[in-house]
Each structure stands twice: as structure tokens, then as C-alpha cells.
Amino acid sequence: MSSEERLVTVRVARQIEAQIIKGRLESEGIPVLLAYESAGLVWGLTVDGIGEVRIMVPKPLAEQAKEILEMGNESGTADEE
């Protein structure tokens, strides 16, 4: 990803779920950046945003990423937000 590209959050998830979503999007050619507080990863909890992972993609690919994730929801392979 170029540093000039704006990133947008397409989904918020737990760490393990975020890794799966990242792999799914990257398999479709969409670069992904995960943003999270390290405390949640170390302590393994999700409270008031700690442990929450924002899945970010380049703005021009956001709609495509959302469509891919929605297809997963329809087939029952991903949880709904």
C-alpha cells in the first residue's frame, strides 16, 4: 500500500476473526492493514474497544471488500456485525 492511499475501516472484529478476514480479502487481491491495541492481544480480552481490531483497506477498494465480506455472510462463513 502506498503511503498516500487513504485507508478506510471496512469491519471491526476480534483478533482471530480479523486474521481470517484479512486472509480472505488478500486472497482476492485486496491489501489489508489491521489496526489494534496491543493490550487486547496480550491480555486476550475485548472490553470498551480493547481487543477490537479494525480491518482497513484502501478507499478505492472498500466497496469491493464489503461485497466480498457480505458474500461470506450469505454463505454462513462469517458472522454478521
PDB file of N, CA and C in Angstrom:
ATOM      1  N   MET A   1       0.845  -1.180   0.000  1.00  0.00           N
ATOM      2  CA  MET A   1       0.000   0.000   0.000  1.00  0.00           C
ATOM      3  C   MET A   1       0.884   1.236   0.000  1.00  0.00           C
ATOM      4  N   SER A   2       0.536   2.175  -0.821  1.00  0.00           N
ATOM      5  CA  SER A   2       1.306   3.416  -0.838  1.00  0.00           C
ATOM      6  C   SER A   2       0.888   4.284   0.341  1.00  0.00           C
ATOM      7  N   SER A   3       1.831   5.076   0.823  1.00  0.00           N
ATOM      8  CA  SER A   3       1.540   5.903   1.999  1.00  0.00           C
ATOM      9  C   SER A   3       0.539   7.011   1.683  1.00  0.00           C
ATOM     10  N   GLU A   4       0.342   7.321   0.406  1.00  0.00           N
ATOM     11  CA  GLU A   4      -0.619   8.368   0.050  1.00  0.00           C
ATOM     12  C   GLU A   4      -2.053   7.857  -0.025  1.00  0.00           C
ATOM     13  N   GLU A   5      -2.233   6.539  -0.136  1.00  0.00           N
ATOM     14  CA  GLU A   5      -3.575   5.993  -0.228  1.00  0.00           C
ATOM     15  C   GLU A   5      -4.292   6.133   1.105  1.00  0.00           C
ATOM     16  N   ARG A   6      -5.533   6.584   1.039  1.00  0.00           N
ATOM     17  CA  ARG A   6      -6.316   6.698   2.262  1.00  0.00           C
ATOM     18  C   ARG A   6      -6.901   5.333   2.587  1.00  0.00           C
ATOM     19  N   LEU A   7      -6.859   4.994   3.859  1.00  0.00           N
ATOM     20  CA  LEU A   7      -7.405   3.727   4.311  1.00  0.00           C
ATOM     21  C   LEU A   7      -8.749   3.955   4.980  1.00  0.00           C
ATOM     22  N   VAL A   8      -9.647   2.999   4.807  1.00  0.00           N
ATOM     23  CA  VAL A   8     -10.945   3.065   5.471  1.00  0.00           C
ATOM     24  C   VAL A   8     -11.186   1.739   6.184  1.00  0.00           C
ATOM     25  N   THR A   9     -11.903   1.808   7.289  1.00  0.00           N
ATOM     26  CA  THR A   9     -12.247   0.610   8.038  1.00  0.00           C
ATOM     27  C   THR A   9     -13.475  -0.028   7.411  1.00  0.00           C
ATOM     28  N   VAL A  10     -13.353  -1.294   7.036  1.00  0.00           N
ATOM     29  CA  VAL A  10     -14.497  -1.984   6.450  1.00  0.00           C
ATOM     30  C   VAL A  10     -15.166  -2.934   7.434  1.00  0.00           C
ATOM     31  N   ARG A  11     -14.480  -3.223   8.536  1.00  0.00           N
ATOM     32  CA  ARG A  11     -15.047  -4.165   9.509  1.00  0.00           C
ATOM     33  C   ARG A  11     -14.285  -4.066  10.817  1.00  0.00           C
ATOM     34  N   VAL A  12     -14.955  -4.365  11.900  1.00  0.00           N
ATOM     35  CA  VAL A  12     -14.332  -4.453  13.225  1.00  0.00           C
ATOM     36  C   VAL A  12     -14.581  -5.868  13.724  1.00  0.00           C
ATOM     37  N   ALA A  13     -13.536  -6.497  14.252  1.00  0.00           N
ATOM     38  CA  ALA A  13     -13.655  -7.889  14.659  1.00  0.00           C
ATOM     39  C   ALA A  13     -12.714  -8.200  15.814  1.00  0.00           C
ATOM     40  N   ARG A  14     -12.794  -9.425  16.307  1.00  0.00           N
ATOM     41  CA  ARG A  14     -11.824  -9.924  17.275  1.00  0.00           C
ATOM     42  C   ARG A  14     -10.582 -10.361  16.506  1.00  0.00           C
ATOM     43  N   GLN A  15      -9.462 -10.523  17.206  1.00  0.00           N
ATOM     44  CA  GLN A  15      -8.173 -10.803  16.570  1.00  0.00           C
ATOM     45  C   GLN A  15      -8.212 -12.021  15.644  1.00  0.00           C
ATOM     46  N   ILE A  16      -8.712 -13.149  16.102  1.00  0.00           N
ATOM     47  CA  ILE A  16      -8.706 -14.363  15.281  1.00  0.00           C
ATOM     48  C   ILE A  16      -9.600 -14.195  14.061  1.00  0.00           C
ATOM     49  N   GLU A  17     -10.759 -13.577  14.267  1.00  0.00           N
ATOM     50  CA  GLU A  17     -11.686 -13.325  13.170  1.00  0.00           C
ATOM     51  C   GLU A  17     -11.064 -12.353  12.159  1.00  0.00           C
ATOM     52  N   ALA A  18     -10.359 -11.355  12.666  1.00  0.00           N
ATOM     53  CA  ALA A  18      -9.713 -10.370  11.796  1.00  0.00           C
ATOM     54  C   ALA A  18      -8.654 -11.022  10.922  1.00  0.00           C
ATOM     55  N   GLN A  19      -7.908 -11.970  11.465  1.00  0.00           N
ATOM     56  CA  GLN A  19      -6.882 -12.662  10.685  1.00  0.00           C
ATOM     57  C   GLN A  19      -7.513 -13.470   9.548  1.00  0.00           C
ATOM     58  N   ILE A  20      -8.648 -14.084   9.818  1.00  0.00           N
ATOM     59  CA  ILE A  20      -9.353 -14.851   8.788  1.00  0.00           C
ATOM     60  C   ILE A  20      -9.865 -13.920   7.697  1.00  0.00           C
ATOM     61  N   ILE A  21     -10.459 -12.804   8.101  1.00  0.00           N
ATOM     62  CA  ILE A  21     -10.974 -11.830   7.137  1.00  0.00           C
ATOM     63  C   ILE A  21      -9.829 -11.261   6.306  1.00  0.00           C
ATOM     64  N   LYS A  22      -8.718 -10.967   6.947  1.00  0.00           N
ATOM     65  CA  LYS A  22      -7.543 -10.452   6.243  1.00  0.00           C
ATOM     66  C   LYS A  22      -7.102 -11.431   5.165  1.00  0.00           C
ATOM     67  N   GLY A  23      -7.012 -12.701   5.515  1.00  0.00           N
ATOM     68  CA  GLY A  23      -6.623 -13.720   4.548  1.00  0.00           C
ATOM     69  C   GLY A  23      -7.591 -13.809   3.385  1.00  0.00           C
ATOM     70  N   ARG A  24      -8.879 -13.703   3.687  1.00  0.00           N
ATOM     71  CA  ARG A  24      -9.909 -13.770   2.636  1.00  0.00           C
ATOM     72  C   ARG A  24      -9.771 -12.607   1.665  1.00  0.00           C
ATOM     73  N   LEU A  25      -9.624 -11.400   2.198  1.00  0.00           N
ATOM     74  CA  LEU A  25      -9.504 -10.228   1.337  1.00  0.00           C
ATOM     75  C   LEU A  25      -8.198 -10.258   0.538  1.00  0.00           C
ATOM     76  N   GLU A  26      -7.105 -10.646   1.173  1.00  0.00           N
ATOM     77  CA  GLU A  26      -5.832 -10.712   0.466  1.00  0.00           C
ATOM     78  C   GLU A  26      -5.855 -11.774  -0.623  1.00  0.00           C
ATOM     79  N   SER A  27      -6.607 -12.851  -0.423  1.00  0.00           N
ATOM     80  CA  SER A  27      -6.720 -13.873  -1.471  1.00  0.00           C
ATOM     81  C   SER A  27      -7.458 -13.334  -2.697  1.00  0.00           C
ATOM     82  N   GLU A  28      -8.226 -12.266  -2.497  1.00  0.00           N
ATOM     83  CA  GLU A  28      -8.932 -11.607  -3.603  1.00  0.00           C
ATOM     84  C   GLU A  28      -8.127 -10.436  -4.164  1.00  0.00           C
ATOM     85  N   GLY A  29      -6.902 -10.247  -3.672  1.00  0.00           N
ATOM     86  CA  GLY A  29      -6.035  -9.190  -4.186  1.00  0.00           C
ATOM     87  C   GLY A  29      -6.205  -7.841  -3.519  1.00  0.00           C
ATOM     88  N   ILE A  30      -6.894  -7.795  -2.391  1.00  0.00           N
ATOM     89  CA  ILE A  30      -7.107  -6.538  -1.682  1.00  0.00           C
ATOM     90  C   ILE A  30      -6.105  -6.443  -0.532  1.00  0.00           C
ATOM     91  N   PRO A  31      -5.237  -5.433  -0.538  1.00  0.00           N
ATOM     92  CA  PRO A  31      -4.291  -5.282   0.572  1.00  0.00           C
ATOM     93  C   PRO A  31      -5.029  -4.862   1.843  1.00  0.00           C
ATOM     94  N   VAL A  32      -4.584  -5.395   2.974  1.00  0.00           N
ATOM     95  CA  VAL A  32      -5.267  -5.180   4.246  1.00  0.00           C
ATOM     96  C   VAL A  32      -4.270  -4.750   5.309  1.00  0.00           C
ATOM     97  N   LEU A  33      -4.702  -3.830   6.150  1.00  0.00           N
ATOM     98  CA  LEU A  33      -3.930  -3.427   7.315  1.00  0.00           C
ATOM     99  C   LEU A  33      -4.826  -3.622   8.524  1.00  0.00           C
ATOM    100  N   LEU A  34      -4.315  -4.307   9.551  1.00  0.00           N
ATOM    101  CA  LEU A  34      -5.063  -4.490  10.787  1.00  0.00           C
ATOM    102  C   LEU A  34      -4.582  -3.463  11.806  1.00  0.00           C
ATOM    103  N   ALA A  35      -5.513  -2.767  12.440  1.00  0.00           N
ATOM    104  CA  ALA A  35      -5.179  -1.760  13.452  1.00  0.00           C
ATOM    105  C   ALA A  35      -5.820  -2.174  14.770  1.00  0.00           C
ATOM    106  N   TYR A  36      -4.977  -2.287  15.827  1.00  0.00           N
ATOM    107  CA  TYR A  36      -5.487  -2.731  17.116  1.00  0.00           C
ATOM    108  C   TYR A  36      -4.566  -2.291  18.240  1.00  0.00           C
ATOM    109  N   GLU A  37      -5.126  -2.296  19.451  1.00  0.00           N
ATOM    110  CA  GLU A  37      -4.358  -2.010  20.655  1.00  0.00           C
ATOM    111  C   GLU A  37      -3.614  -3.287  21.042  1.00  0.00           C
ATOM    112  N   SER A  38      -2.346  -3.198  21.300  1.00  0.00           N
ATOM    113  CA  SER A  38      -1.589  -4.399  21.653  1.00  0.00           C
ATOM    114  C   SER A  38      -2.030  -4.996  22.981  1.00  0.00           C
ATOM    115  N   ALA A  39      -2.581  -4.196  23.866  1.00  0.00           N
ATOM    116  CA  ALA A  39      -3.022  -4.693  25.173  1.00  0.00           C
ATOM    117  C   ALA A  39      -4.082  -5.779  25.021  1.00  0.00           C
ATOM    118  N   GLY A  40      -5.001  -5.601  24.097  1.00  0.00           N
ATOM    119  CA  GLY A  40      -6.042  -6.603  23.873  1.00  0.00           C
ATOM    120  C   GLY A  40      -5.462  -7.919  23.405  1.00  0.00           C
ATOM    121  N   LEU A  41      -4.443  -7.853  22.571  1.00  0.00           N
ATOM    122  CA  LEU A  41      -3.784  -9.061  22.077  1.00  0.00           C
ATOM    123  C   LEU A  41      -3.047  -9.774  23.206  1.00  0.00           C
ATOM    124  N   VAL A  42      -2.352  -9.018  24.035  1.00  0.00           N
ATOM    125  CA  VAL A  42      -1.592  -9.599  25.142  1.00  0.00           C
ATOM    126  C   VAL A  42      -2.514 -10.199  26.193  1.00  0.00           C
ATOM    127  N   TRP A  43      -3.548  -9.467  26.593  1.00  0.00           N
ATOM    128  CA  TRP A  43      -4.445  -9.917  27.653  1.00  0.00           C
ATOM    129  C   TRP A  43      -5.552 -10.833  27.154  1.00  0.00           C
ATOM    130  N   GLY A  44      -5.799 -10.822  25.844  1.00  0.00           N
ATOM    131  CA  GLY A  44      -6.816 -11.692  25.274  1.00  0.00           C
ATOM    132  C   GLY A  44      -8.233 -11.343  25.671  1.00  0.00           C
ATOM    133  N   LEU A  45      -8.538 -10.046  25.750  1.00  0.00           N
ATOM    134  CA  LEU A  45      -9.887  -9.647  26.119  1.00  0.00           C
ATOM    135  C   LEU A  45     -10.401  -8.543  25.205  1.00  0.00           C
ATOM    136  N   THR A  46     -11.726  -8.402  25.226  1.00  0.00           N
ATOM    137  CA  THR A  46     -12.376  -7.351  24.449  1.00  0.00           C
ATOM    138  C   THR A  46     -13.306  -6.590  25.365  1.00  0.00           C
ATOM    139  N   VAL A  47     -12.875  -5.405  25.803  1.00  0.00           N
ATOM    140  CA  VAL A  47     -13.668  -4.558  26.686  1.00  0.00           C
ATOM    141  C   VAL A  47     -13.491  -3.118  26.252  1.00  0.00           C
ATOM    142  N   ASP A  48     -14.592  -2.416  26.026  1.00  0.00           N
ATOM    143  CA  ASP A  48     -14.555  -0.999  25.649  1.00  0.00           C
ATOM    144  C   ASP A  48     -13.560  -0.706  24.530  1.00  0.00           C
ATOM    145  N   GLY A  49     -13.521  -1.543  23.524  1.00  0.00           N
ATOM    146  CA  GLY A  49     -12.643  -1.309  22.380  1.00  0.00           C
ATOM    147  C   GLY A  49     -11.279  -1.965  22.488  1.00  0.00           C
ATOM    148  N   ILE A  50     -10.869  -2.352  23.693  1.00  0.00           N
ATOM    149  CA  ILE A  50      -9.600  -3.076  23.828  1.00  0.00           C
ATOM    150  C   ILE A  50      -9.842  -4.492  23.299  1.00  0.00           C
ATOM    151  N   GLY A  51      -8.987  -4.955  22.432  1.00  0.00           N
ATOM    152  CA  GLY A  51      -9.155  -6.262  21.817  1.00  0.00           C
ATOM    153  C   GLY A  51      -9.871  -6.191  20.481  1.00  0.00           C
ATOM    154  N   GLU A  52     -10.377  -5.031  20.164  1.00  0.00           N
ATOM    155  CA  GLU A  52     -11.062  -4.811  18.906  1.00  0.00           C
ATOM    156  C   GLU A  52     -10.028  -4.579  17.798  1.00  0.00           C
ATOM    157  N   VAL A  53     -10.268  -5.145  16.635  1.00  0.00           N
ATOM    158  CA  VAL A  53      -9.366  -4.992  15.503  1.00  0.00           C
ATOM    159  C   VAL A  53     -10.125  -4.323  14.363  1.00  0.00           C
ATOM    160  N   ARG A  54      -9.567  -3.224  13.857  1.00  0.00           N
ATOM    161  CA  ARG A  54     -10.156  -2.554  12.698  1.00  0.00           C
ATOM    162  C   ARG A  54      -9.475  -3.099  11.448  1.00  0.00           C
ATOM    163  N   ILE A  55     -10.269  -3.570  10.513  1.00  0.00           N
ATOM    164  CA  ILE A  55      -9.756  -4.109   9.260  1.00  0.00           C
ATOM    165  C   ILE A  55      -9.841  -2.983   8.239  1.00  0.00           C
ATOM    166  N   MET A  56      -8.673  -2.548   7.779  1.00  0.00           N
ATOM    167  CA  MET A  56      -8.601  -1.368   6.919  1.00  0.00           C
ATOM    168  C   MET A  56      -8.091  -1.741   5.531  1.00  0.00           C
ATOM    169  N   VAL A  57      -8.718  -1.137   4.523  1.00  0.00           N
ATOM    170  CA  VAL A  57      -8.332  -1.354   3.130  1.00  0.00           C
ATOM    171  C   VAL A  57      -8.225   0.005   2.438  1.00  0.00           C
ATOM    172  N   PRO A  58      -7.544   0.062   1.279  1.00  0.00           N
ATOM    173  CA  PRO A  58      -7.504   1.325   0.529  1.00  0.00           C
ATOM    174  C   PRO A  58      -8.915   1.757   0.141  1.00  0.00           C
ATOM    175  N   LYS A  59      -9.179   3.033   0.258  1.00  0.00           N
ATOM    176  CA  LYS A  59     -10.517   3.575  -0.012  1.00  0.00           C
ATOM    177  C   LYS A  59     -11.088   3.141  -1.367  1.00  0.00           C
ATOM    178  N   PRO A  60     -10.290   3.130  -2.450  1.00  0.00           N
ATOM    179  CA  PRO A  60     -10.868   2.718  -3.739  1.00  0.00           C
ATOM    180  C   PRO A  60     -11.340   1.252  -3.768  1.00  0.00           C
ATOM    181  N   LEU A  61     -10.866   0.432  -2.843  1.00  0.00           N
ATOM    182  CA  LEU A  61     -11.241  -0.985  -2.824  1.00  0.00           C
ATOM    183  C   LEU A  61     -12.244  -1.325  -1.729  1.00  0.00           C
ATOM    184  N   ALA A  62     -12.720  -0.320  -1.009  1.00  0.00           N
ATOM    185  CA  ALA A  62     -13.610  -0.554   0.131  1.00  0.00           C
ATOM    186  C   ALA A  62     -14.913  -1.235  -0.273  1.00  0.00           C
ATOM    187  N   GLU A  63     -15.545  -0.776  -1.320  1.00  0.00           N
ATOM    188  CA  GLU A  63     -16.821  -1.373  -1.742  1.00  0.00           C
ATOM    189  C   GLU A  63     -16.634  -2.823  -2.159  1.00  0.00           C
ATOM    190  N   GLN A  64     -15.555  -3.107  -2.880  1.00  0.00           N
ATOM    191  CA  GLN A  64     -15.268  -4.481  -3.291  1.00  0.00           C
ATOM    192  C   GLN A  64     -15.046  -5.361  -2.061  1.00  0.00           C
ATOM    193  N   ALA A  65     -14.315  -4.847  -1.077  1.00  0.00           N
ATOM    194  CA  ALA A  65     -14.059  -5.596   0.154  1.00  0.00           C
ATOM    195  C   ALA A  65     -15.364  -5.882   0.893  1.00  0.00           C
ATOM    196  N   LYS A  66     -16.236  -4.891   0.987  1.00  0.00           N
ATOM    197  CA  LYS A  66     -17.520  -5.083   1.662  1.00  0.00           C
ATOM    198  C   LYS A  66     -18.355  -6.146   0.959  1.00  0.00           C
ATOM    199  N   GLU A  67     -18.344  -6.129  -0.381  1.00  0.00           N
ATOM    200  CA  GLU A  67     -19.097  -7.134  -1.142  1.00  0.00           C
ATOM    201  C   GLU A  67     -18.568  -8.539  -0.871  1.00  0.00           C
ATOM    202  N   ILE A  68     -17.261  -8.682  -0.827  1.00  0.00           N
ATOM    203  CA  ILE A  68     -16.650  -9.986  -0.548  1.00  0.00           C
ATOM    204  C   ILE A  68     -17.064 -10.470   0.829  1.00  0.00           C
ATOM    205  N   LEU A  69     -17.031  -9.578   1.817  1.00  0.00           N
ATOM    206  CA  LEU A  69     -17.404  -9.960   3.173  1.00  0.00           C
ATOM    207  C   LEU A  69     -18.890 -10.269   3.282  1.00  0.00           C
ATOM    208  N   GLU A  70     -19.728  -9.562   2.539  1.00  0.00           N
ATOM    209  CA  GLU A  70     -21.161  -9.839   2.545  1.00  0.00           C
ATOM    210  C   GLU A  70     -21.456 -11.193   1.926  1.00  0.00           C
ATOM    211  N   MET A  71     -20.703 -11.573   0.885  1.00  0.00           N
ATOM    212  CA  MET A  71     -20.879 -12.898   0.279  1.00  0.00           C
ATOM    213  C   MET A  71     -20.590 -13.975   1.315  1.00  0.00           C
ATOM    214  N   GLY A  72     -19.579 -13.751   2.154  1.00  0.00           N
ATOM    215  CA  GLY A  72     -19.265 -14.697   3.215  1.00  0.00           C
ATOM    216  C   GLY A  72     -20.405 -14.817   4.205  1.00  0.00           C
ATOM    217  N   ASN A  73     -21.075 -13.701   4.510  1.00  0.00           N
ATOM    218  CA  ASN A  73     -22.197 -13.720   5.442  1.00  0.00           C
ATOM    219  C   ASN A  73     -23.357 -14.529   4.882  1.00  0.00           C
ATOM    220  N   GLU A  74     -23.609 -14.393   3.585  1.00  0.00           N
ATOM    221  CA  GLU A  74     -24.730 -15.114   2.957  1.00  0.00           C
ATOM    222  C   GLU A  74     -24.488 -16.607   2.965  1.00  0.00           C
ATOM    223  N   SER A  75     -23.231 -17.029   2.828  1.00  0.00           N
ATOM    224  CA  SER A  75     -22.945 -18.463   2.800  1.00  0.00           C
ATOM    225  C   SER A  75     -22.764 -19.047   4.189  1.00  0.00           C
ATOM    226  N   GLY A  76     -22.817 -18.176   5.215  1.00  0.00           N
ATOM    227  CA  GLY A  76     -22.704 -18.638   6.585  1.00  0.00           C
ATOM    228  C   GLY A  76     -21.263 -18.826   7.056  1.00  0.00           C
ATOM    229  N   THR A  77     -20.286 -18.257   6.341  1.00  0.00           N
ATOM    230  CA  THR A  77     -18.900 -18.453   6.726  1.00  0.00           C
ATOM    231  C   THR A  77     -18.361 -17.319   7.587  1.00  0.00           C
ATOM    232  N   ALA A  78     -19.118 -16.256   7.771  1.00  0.00           N
ATOM    233  CA  ALA A  78     -18.654 -15.137   8.595  1.00  0.00           C
ATOM    234  C   ALA A  78     -19.810 -14.618   9.448  1.00  0.00           C
ATOM    235  N   ASP A  79     -19.490 -14.085  10.603  1.00  0.00           N
ATOM    236  CA  ASP A  79     -20.520 -13.531  11.493  1.00  0.00           C
ATOM    237  C   ASP A  79     -20.958 -12.172  10.996  1.00  0.00           C
ATOM    238  N   GLU A  80     -22.229 -11.861  11.273  1.00  0.00           N
ATOM    239  CA  GLU A  80     -22.710 -10.527  10.947  1.00  0.00           C
ATOM    240  C   GLU A  80     -22.260  -9.556  12.001  1.00  0.00           C
ATOM    241  N   GLU A  81     -22.067  -8.289  11.605  1.00  0.00           N
ATOM    242  CA  GLU A  81     -21.678  -7.250  12.567  1.00  0.00           C
ATOM    243  C   GLU A  81     -22.876  -6.878  13.409  1.00  0.00           C
TER     244      GLU A  81
END
